[in-house]
Amino acid sequence: MSSVVFGSANSHVGYVGENGALYYTRVDAEGEGIRPVINLKSNVEITSGDGTTSNPYVIMTN
């Protein structure tokens, strides 16, 4: 979740586009913003949910 580029007054975050290429955008860019990320260990399994607000993921460790 670290910034990938620092400008004179802006911070930029990276993301992977639909074509698989790496891009970056300003943290405060309209429509882009910050997208939180969590990293899970390999023994974690999603047991239900689709990641929406009304049906969040439920995870369990194996």
N, C-alpha and C. Protein backbone atom coordinates (compact mmCIF):
# COMPACT_ATOMS: atom_id res chain seq x y z
N MET A 1 0.81 -1.18 0.00
CA MET A 1 0.00 0.00 0.00
C MET A 1 0.86 1.25 0.00
N SER A 2 2.13 1.11 -0.26
CA SER A 2 3.01 2.26 -0.29
C SER A 2 2.84 3.03 -1.59
N SER A 3 3.14 4.30 -1.52
CA SER A 3 3.12 5.11 -2.73
C SER A 3 4.21 4.64 -3.67
N VAL A 4 3.95 4.72 -4.98
CA VAL A 4 4.96 4.31 -5.95
C VAL A 4 5.74 5.48 -6.50
N VAL A 5 5.15 6.67 -6.46
CA VAL A 5 5.80 7.87 -6.99
C VAL A 5 5.43 9.05 -6.10
N PHE A 6 6.39 9.90 -5.81
CA PHE A 6 6.11 11.14 -5.12
C PHE A 6 6.42 12.28 -6.07
N GLY A 7 5.44 13.17 -6.30
CA GLY A 7 5.67 14.36 -7.10
C GLY A 7 6.02 15.51 -6.18
N SER A 8 6.02 16.72 -6.72
CA SER A 8 6.37 17.87 -5.90
C SER A 8 5.38 18.09 -4.77
N ALA A 9 4.10 17.78 -5.01
CA ALA A 9 3.09 17.96 -3.98
C ALA A 9 2.10 16.80 -3.95
N ASN A 10 2.34 15.77 -4.73
CA ASN A 10 1.38 14.68 -4.86
C ASN A 10 2.03 13.33 -4.59
N SER A 11 1.20 12.43 -4.11
CA SER A 11 1.62 11.04 -3.95
C SER A 11 0.82 10.21 -4.93
N HIS A 12 1.43 9.21 -5.52
CA HIS A 12 0.76 8.37 -6.50
C HIS A 12 0.77 6.91 -6.04
N VAL A 13 -0.32 6.22 -6.30
CA VAL A 13 -0.41 4.79 -5.99
C VAL A 13 -0.46 4.01 -7.28
N GLY A 14 0.05 2.79 -7.23
CA GLY A 14 0.08 1.96 -8.42
C GLY A 14 -1.12 1.03 -8.47
N TYR A 15 -1.45 0.62 -9.67
CA TYR A 15 -2.50 -0.38 -9.87
C TYR A 15 -2.24 -1.12 -11.16
N VAL A 16 -2.82 -2.29 -11.26
CA VAL A 16 -2.67 -3.11 -12.46
C VAL A 16 -3.93 -2.95 -13.30
N GLY A 17 -3.77 -2.53 -14.55
CA GLY A 17 -4.90 -2.35 -15.45
C GLY A 17 -5.44 -3.67 -15.96
N GLU A 18 -6.59 -3.61 -16.62
CA GLU A 18 -7.22 -4.81 -17.15
C GLU A 18 -6.32 -5.56 -18.14
N ASN A 19 -5.40 -4.81 -18.78
CA ASN A 19 -4.49 -5.43 -19.73
C ASN A 19 -3.24 -6.01 -19.07
N GLY A 20 -3.16 -5.91 -17.73
CA GLY A 20 -2.04 -6.45 -16.99
C GLY A 20 -0.88 -5.49 -16.82
N ALA A 21 -0.97 -4.30 -17.40
CA ALA A 21 0.09 -3.31 -17.29
C ALA A 21 0.00 -2.57 -15.96
N LEU A 22 1.14 -2.11 -15.45
CA LEU A 22 1.18 -1.34 -14.22
C LEU A 22 1.01 0.14 -14.53
N TYR A 23 0.10 0.79 -13.83
CA TYR A 23 -0.15 2.22 -13.98
C TYR A 23 -0.07 2.86 -12.61
N TYR A 24 -0.04 4.17 -12.57
CA TYR A 24 -0.16 4.87 -11.30
C TYR A 24 -0.99 6.12 -11.48
N THR A 25 -1.60 6.55 -10.39
CA THR A 25 -2.48 7.70 -10.41
C THR A 25 -2.34 8.45 -9.09
N ARG A 26 -2.67 9.74 -9.12
CA ARG A 26 -2.59 10.53 -7.89
C ARG A 26 -3.57 9.98 -6.86
N VAL A 27 -3.16 10.03 -5.62
CA VAL A 27 -4.00 9.55 -4.53
C VAL A 27 -5.32 10.30 -4.50
N ASP A 28 -5.31 11.58 -4.81
CA ASP A 28 -6.53 12.38 -4.74
C ASP A 28 -7.23 12.53 -6.08
N ALA A 29 -6.84 11.74 -7.09
CA ALA A 29 -7.45 11.85 -8.42
C ALA A 29 -8.94 11.49 -8.35
N GLU A 30 -9.74 12.28 -9.00
CA GLU A 30 -11.18 12.05 -9.00
C GLU A 30 -11.50 10.70 -9.62
N GLY A 31 -12.27 9.91 -8.92
CA GLY A 31 -12.66 8.61 -9.43
C GLY A 31 -11.64 7.51 -9.20
N GLU A 32 -10.47 7.85 -8.76
CA GLU A 32 -9.43 6.83 -8.53
C GLU A 32 -9.27 6.61 -7.03
N GLY A 33 -8.63 7.53 -6.35
CA GLY A 33 -8.48 7.44 -4.91
C GLY A 33 -7.66 6.28 -4.43
N ILE A 34 -7.80 5.95 -3.17
CA ILE A 34 -7.04 4.88 -2.55
C ILE A 34 -7.92 3.65 -2.45
N ARG A 35 -7.37 2.54 -2.78
CA ARG A 35 -8.08 1.27 -2.64
C ARG A 35 -7.33 0.43 -1.61
N PRO A 36 -7.99 0.14 -0.49
CA PRO A 36 -7.30 -0.63 0.55
C PRO A 36 -6.99 -2.05 0.10
N VAL A 37 -5.92 -2.57 0.64
CA VAL A 37 -5.46 -3.92 0.30
C VAL A 37 -5.11 -4.64 1.58
N ILE A 38 -5.46 -5.90 1.64
CA ILE A 38 -4.98 -6.74 2.74
C ILE A 38 -4.29 -7.95 2.11
N ASN A 39 -3.32 -8.46 2.80
CA ASN A 39 -2.61 -9.66 2.35
C ASN A 39 -2.94 -10.79 3.29
N LEU A 40 -3.33 -11.92 2.72
CA LEU A 40 -3.70 -13.08 3.51
C LEU A 40 -2.66 -14.18 3.34
N LYS A 41 -2.47 -14.95 4.38
CA LYS A 41 -1.57 -16.09 4.29
C LYS A 41 -2.17 -17.15 3.38
N SER A 42 -1.34 -18.02 2.89
CA SER A 42 -1.78 -19.03 1.92
C SER A 42 -2.76 -20.04 2.51
N ASN A 43 -2.85 -20.14 3.83
CA ASN A 43 -3.78 -21.10 4.43
C ASN A 43 -5.16 -20.50 4.70
N VAL A 44 -5.44 -19.32 4.18
CA VAL A 44 -6.74 -18.68 4.36
C VAL A 44 -7.63 -19.00 3.17
N GLU A 45 -8.87 -19.35 3.46
CA GLU A 45 -9.82 -19.72 2.42
C GLU A 45 -11.07 -18.84 2.54
N ILE A 46 -11.57 -18.35 1.40
CA ILE A 46 -12.83 -17.63 1.39
C ILE A 46 -13.94 -18.67 1.42
N THR A 47 -14.76 -18.64 2.47
CA THR A 47 -15.80 -19.66 2.62
C THR A 47 -17.15 -19.21 2.10
N SER A 48 -17.38 -17.89 2.03
CA SER A 48 -18.64 -17.39 1.48
C SER A 48 -18.51 -15.90 1.23
N GLY A 49 -19.53 -15.32 0.61
CA GLY A 49 -19.57 -13.89 0.33
C GLY A 49 -19.00 -13.56 -1.02
N ASP A 50 -19.34 -12.35 -1.48
CA ASP A 50 -18.83 -11.89 -2.78
C ASP A 50 -18.06 -10.57 -2.67
N GLY A 51 -17.80 -10.12 -1.46
CA GLY A 51 -16.99 -8.93 -1.25
C GLY A 51 -17.76 -7.62 -1.28
N THR A 52 -19.07 -7.67 -1.45
CA THR A 52 -19.88 -6.45 -1.44
C THR A 52 -20.21 -6.06 0.00
N THR A 53 -20.71 -4.86 0.18
CA THR A 53 -21.09 -4.39 1.51
C THR A 53 -22.18 -5.27 2.12
N SER A 54 -23.12 -5.67 1.29
CA SER A 54 -24.24 -6.46 1.80
C SER A 54 -23.91 -7.96 1.95
N ASN A 55 -22.82 -8.40 1.34
CA ASN A 55 -22.43 -9.81 1.41
C ASN A 55 -20.90 -9.92 1.46
N PRO A 56 -20.30 -9.48 2.59
CA PRO A 56 -18.84 -9.46 2.66
C PRO A 56 -18.24 -10.86 2.67
N TYR A 57 -16.96 -10.94 2.31
CA TYR A 57 -16.26 -12.21 2.35
C TYR A 57 -16.20 -12.73 3.78
N VAL A 58 -16.32 -14.02 3.91
CA VAL A 58 -16.09 -14.71 5.18
C VAL A 58 -14.89 -15.61 4.94
N ILE A 59 -13.89 -15.48 5.79
CA ILE A 59 -12.66 -16.25 5.60
C ILE A 59 -12.40 -17.17 6.79
N MET A 60 -11.67 -18.26 6.52
CA MET A 60 -11.33 -19.23 7.54
C MET A 60 -9.89 -19.71 7.25
N THR A 61 -9.16 -19.96 8.33
CA THR A 61 -7.82 -20.52 8.14
C THR A 61 -7.92 -22.04 8.17
N ASN A 62 -7.09 -22.65 7.35
CA ASN A 62 -7.05 -24.13 7.29
C ASN A 62 -6.08 -24.65 8.29
